[in-house]
Amino acid sequence: MRAGEVSEVSQDYLKAIWSAQEWGGDPMTATELAKRFGTTKANATEVLKRLDELGLIVRVPYKPPVLTEQGKAIALSMVRRHRLIETFLVKSLGYGWDEVHDEAEILEHAASDRLIDRIDAFLGHPTSDPHGDPIPGPDGRVDSHTPTLLAEASPGRYQVLRVSDADPVVLGKLAEAGVLPDVALDVVDRTDDAVTVDIGGKRETIAAALAAAVYLDAASSAS
């Protein structure tokens, strides 16, 4: 079964279930999925029942749904579409990185596999989107990382791996501070309220709420 053979709602649920755990988060329950999509728990449960019947998830009473291999393949196909479209909008159409998420949410359902593959080739087969999220390959393979949250980082040198695109206001503020994917920074000090970083000799104080959206490459931290 391919992504185009299930409904847009099903595509969205499968993508949300997979994405919730990509960066170490907890699996999504029916209640959390209902909140994510602005519907009732009863409606979310009905969608999950249909996905279970299609063999795309496994439902266990009182536990979060688990993707089957087929469900995971469709989820990754949608993630690939979303992130390639975001990358195209930024690199080719001049969108800001804080503008593309909602656009991609719409366009990912309309784009054919052929169009997505053409976008991929046109962009030179990028490996990550403007926010640092890895782009799955056409075979569903995707890079995995063991990140450190800036909000929890010990003093040392790091590279920004990824910035969550959940809130465009947060993206805008972090961009103003120079906190962008692939940027090297030094964590100088951390309190409960903020993290002080040095980026190219310039010190910035990042509020804890903003720092919670920044994922650092732990492998590049100084020992």
Protein backbone atom coordinates (compact mmCIF):
# COMPACT_ATOMS: atom_id res chain seq x y z
CA MET A 1 0.00 0.00 0.00
CA ARG A 2 1.31 3.44 -0.98
CA ALA A 3 0.67 6.84 0.59
CA GLY A 4 -1.70 7.82 -2.21
CA GLU A 5 -3.93 4.84 -1.47
CA VAL A 6 -4.99 6.09 1.98
CA SER A 7 -6.89 9.23 2.94
CA GLU A 8 -5.20 12.53 3.79
CA VAL A 9 -6.37 12.13 7.38
CA SER A 10 -4.73 8.70 7.54
CA GLN A 11 -1.54 10.14 6.05
CA ASP A 12 -1.49 12.87 8.70
CA TYR A 13 -2.03 10.46 11.59
CA LEU A 14 0.68 8.08 10.42
CA LYS A 15 3.13 10.95 9.98
CA ALA A 16 2.29 12.37 13.41
CA ILE A 17 2.72 8.99 15.12
CA TRP A 18 6.16 8.52 13.56
CA SER A 19 7.34 12.12 14.02
CA ALA A 20 6.47 12.19 17.72
CA GLN A 21 9.31 9.80 18.52
CA GLU A 22 11.86 10.83 15.91
CA TRP A 23 13.80 13.05 18.31
CA GLY A 24 13.27 11.04 21.47
CA GLY A 25 9.74 12.13 22.33
CA ASP A 26 7.03 9.96 23.85
CA PRO A 27 4.60 8.03 21.58
CA MET A 28 1.31 9.80 20.91
CA THR A 29 -1.88 8.58 22.55
CA ALA A 30 -5.36 8.93 21.07
CA THR A 31 -5.92 11.94 23.35
CA GLU A 32 -2.74 13.64 22.13
CA LEU A 33 -3.58 12.92 18.50
CA ALA A 34 -7.03 14.44 19.02
CA LYS A 35 -5.43 17.58 20.44
CA ARG A 36 -2.87 17.68 17.62
CA PHE A 37 -5.59 17.63 14.95
CA GLY A 38 -8.22 19.69 16.77
CA THR A 39 -10.80 16.94 17.03
CA THR A 40 -12.41 14.80 19.72
CA LYS A 41 -10.85 11.71 21.25
CA ALA A 42 -13.77 9.68 19.85
CA ASN A 43 -12.98 10.85 16.31
CA ALA A 44 -9.28 10.16 16.76
CA THR A 45 -10.09 6.68 18.04
CA GLU A 46 -12.20 6.00 14.95
CA VAL A 47 -9.30 6.98 12.69
CA LEU A 48 -6.99 4.69 14.65
CA LYS A 49 -9.49 1.84 14.31
CA ARG A 50 -9.48 2.27 10.52
CA LEU A 51 -5.69 2.33 10.44
CA ASP A 52 -5.64 -0.84 12.51
CA GLU A 53 -8.07 -2.52 10.12
CA LEU A 54 -5.83 -1.52 7.20
CA GLY A 55 -2.85 -3.11 8.90
CA LEU A 56 -1.01 0.21 9.26
CA ILE A 57 -0.92 0.34 13.07
CA VAL A 58 -1.33 -2.04 15.97
CA ARG A 59 -3.76 -0.92 18.65
CA VAL A 60 -3.44 -2.16 22.21
CA PRO A 61 -6.05 -1.00 24.77
CA TYR A 62 -4.83 1.91 26.93
CA LYS A 63 -1.52 2.14 25.07
CA PRO A 64 -0.29 4.39 22.24
CA PRO A 65 -0.66 3.01 18.71
CA VAL A 66 2.39 1.38 17.11
CA LEU A 67 3.15 1.61 13.41
CA THR A 68 3.47 -1.57 11.40
CA GLU A 69 6.21 -1.74 8.76
CA GLN A 70 3.67 -0.75 6.13
CA GLY A 71 2.41 2.13 8.26
CA LYS A 72 5.96 3.30 8.88
CA ALA A 73 6.71 3.23 5.15
CA ILE A 74 3.74 5.51 4.43
CA ALA A 75 4.67 7.80 7.33
CA LEU A 76 8.23 8.16 6.03
CA SER A 77 6.92 8.81 2.52
CA MET A 78 4.88 11.72 3.88
CA VAL A 79 7.80 13.01 5.94
CA ARG A 80 9.96 12.91 2.80
CA ARG A 81 7.36 14.88 0.85
CA HIS A 82 6.98 17.45 3.61
CA ARG A 83 10.67 18.11 4.10
CA LEU A 84 11.55 18.24 0.41
CA ILE A 85 8.73 20.73 -0.19
CA GLU A 86 9.94 22.87 2.72
CA THR A 87 13.45 22.80 1.28
CA PHE A 88 12.21 23.72 -2.19
CA LEU A 89 10.16 26.64 -0.85
CA VAL A 90 13.16 28.05 1.01
CA LYS A 91 15.89 27.44 -1.56
CA SER A 92 13.96 28.07 -4.76
CA LEU A 93 11.05 30.37 -3.89
CA GLY A 94 12.59 32.56 -1.23
CA TYR A 95 10.38 31.55 1.70
CA GLY A 96 11.65 32.06 5.23
CA TRP A 97 12.24 28.95 7.33
CA ASP A 98 9.46 30.14 9.63
CA GLU A 99 6.94 30.29 6.77
CA VAL A 100 7.14 26.88 5.15
CA HIS A 101 5.66 24.37 7.59
CA ASP A 102 1.98 25.19 7.02
CA GLU A 103 2.49 25.46 3.25
CA ALA A 104 4.15 22.04 3.17
CA GLU A 105 1.33 20.55 5.26
CA ILE A 106 -1.04 21.39 2.39
CA LEU A 107 1.20 20.67 -0.59
CA GLU A 108 2.46 17.30 0.63
CA HIS A 109 -0.95 15.77 -0.04
CA ALA A 110 -1.24 17.14 -3.56
CA ALA A 111 2.25 16.28 -4.79
CA SER A 112 2.78 13.07 -6.76
CA ASP A 113 5.73 10.75 -6.15
CA ARG A 114 7.11 11.81 -9.53
CA LEU A 115 7.01 15.50 -8.58
CA ILE A 116 8.70 14.80 -5.24
CA ASP A 117 11.46 12.83 -6.96
CA ARG A 118 11.93 15.68 -9.48
CA ILE A 119 12.16 18.21 -6.64
CA ASP A 120 14.70 15.98 -4.91
CA ALA A 121 16.85 15.80 -8.06
CA PHE A 122 16.45 19.52 -8.79
CA LEU A 123 17.71 20.39 -5.31
CA GLY A 124 20.67 18.02 -5.61
CA HIS A 125 19.31 15.36 -3.26
CA PRO A 126 19.49 17.32 0.02
CA THR A 127 19.92 15.31 3.19
CA SER A 128 18.16 17.70 5.56
CA ASP A 129 15.46 20.37 5.45
CA PRO A 130 15.83 24.06 6.46
CA HIS A 131 15.24 23.19 10.13
CA GLY A 132 17.88 20.43 10.17
CA ASP A 133 15.44 17.53 10.06
CA PRO A 134 16.82 14.63 7.98
CA ILE A 135 15.04 13.92 4.69
CA PRO A 136 14.20 10.23 4.21
CA GLY A 137 15.43 8.70 0.98
CA PRO A 138 13.07 7.23 -1.62
CA ASP A 139 13.69 3.84 0.02
CA GLY A 140 12.53 5.15 3.40
CA ARG A 141 15.97 5.23 4.96
CA VAL A 142 16.52 8.16 7.31
CA ASP A 143 19.47 9.28 9.40
CA SER A 144 19.14 9.00 13.15
CA HIS A 145 20.91 11.07 15.80
CA THR A 146 21.40 11.17 19.54
CA PRO A 147 20.92 14.89 20.18
CA THR A 148 21.35 17.06 23.24
CA LEU A 149 18.81 19.79 23.92
CA LEU A 150 20.35 23.24 24.24
CA ALA A 151 18.15 23.70 27.30
CA GLU A 152 19.97 20.78 28.96
CA ALA A 153 23.48 21.14 27.51
CA SER A 154 26.56 21.29 29.69
CA PRO A 155 29.21 23.92 28.92
CA GLY A 156 31.19 22.99 25.83
CA ARG A 157 31.31 23.27 22.06
CA TYR A 158 28.45 21.96 19.93
CA GLN A 159 26.97 22.16 16.47
CA VAL A 160 23.30 22.96 15.98
CA LEU A 161 21.74 19.85 14.53
CA ARG A 162 18.08 20.80 14.34
CA VAL A 163 15.58 23.48 15.39
CA SER A 164 11.96 22.45 15.95
CA ASP A 165 9.57 24.05 13.48
CA ALA A 166 6.57 23.77 15.82
CA ASP A 167 6.38 27.52 16.47
CA PRO A 168 7.27 30.10 13.78
CA VAL A 169 7.72 32.81 16.45
CA VAL A 170 10.39 30.69 18.12
CA LEU A 171 12.09 30.14 14.74
CA GLY A 172 12.16 33.88 14.12
CA LYS A 173 13.72 34.66 17.49
CA LEU A 174 16.34 31.95 17.17
CA ALA A 175 17.25 33.13 13.67
CA GLU A 176 17.77 36.65 15.05
CA ALA A 177 20.17 35.19 17.64
CA GLY A 178 22.03 33.27 14.92
CA VAL A 179 20.96 29.85 16.17
CA LEU A 180 20.58 27.95 12.90
CA PRO A 181 21.28 24.38 11.74
CA ASP A 182 24.99 23.62 11.21
CA VAL A 183 26.08 26.65 13.26
CA ALA A 184 28.85 25.96 15.80
CA LEU A 185 28.37 27.43 19.25
CA ASP A 186 29.82 27.29 22.73
CA VAL A 187 27.53 26.83 25.71
CA VAL A 188 29.00 29.20 28.29
CA ASP A 189 26.49 29.03 31.12
CA ARG A 190 23.07 27.57 31.86
CA THR A 191 20.45 28.45 34.46
CA ASP A 192 16.83 27.39 34.90
CA ASP A 193 15.74 30.47 32.93
CA ALA A 194 18.26 30.80 30.12
CA VAL A 195 21.34 29.51 28.34
CA THR A 196 24.27 31.76 27.44
CA VAL A 197 26.01 30.82 24.21
CA ASP A 198 28.91 32.17 22.20
CA ILE A 199 28.46 32.17 18.43
CA GLY A 200 31.50 33.36 16.52
CA GLY A 201 32.63 35.56 19.38
CA LYS A 202 29.22 37.05 20.03
CA ARG A 203 27.39 36.14 23.22
CA GLU A 204 23.65 35.54 23.20
CA THR A 205 21.30 34.75 26.07
CA ILE A 206 18.68 32.25 24.92
CA ALA A 207 15.53 31.93 27.03
CA ALA A 208 14.88 28.40 28.29
CA ALA A 209 11.64 28.16 26.27
CA LEU A 210 13.59 28.88 23.08
CA ALA A 211 16.51 26.65 24.03
CA ALA A 212 14.09 23.73 24.38
CA ALA A 213 13.54 23.89 20.60
CA VAL A 214 17.24 23.57 19.74
CA TYR A 215 18.88 20.17 19.27
CA LEU A 216 22.67 19.94 19.38
CA ASP A 217 24.98 17.36 17.89
CA ALA A 218 26.30 15.60 20.96
CA ALA A 219 29.01 13.93 18.90
CA SER A 220 30.60 17.29 18.16
CA SER A 221 30.65 18.52 21.75
CA ALA A 222 34.02 19.20 23.26
CA SER A 223 35.24 16.74 25.81
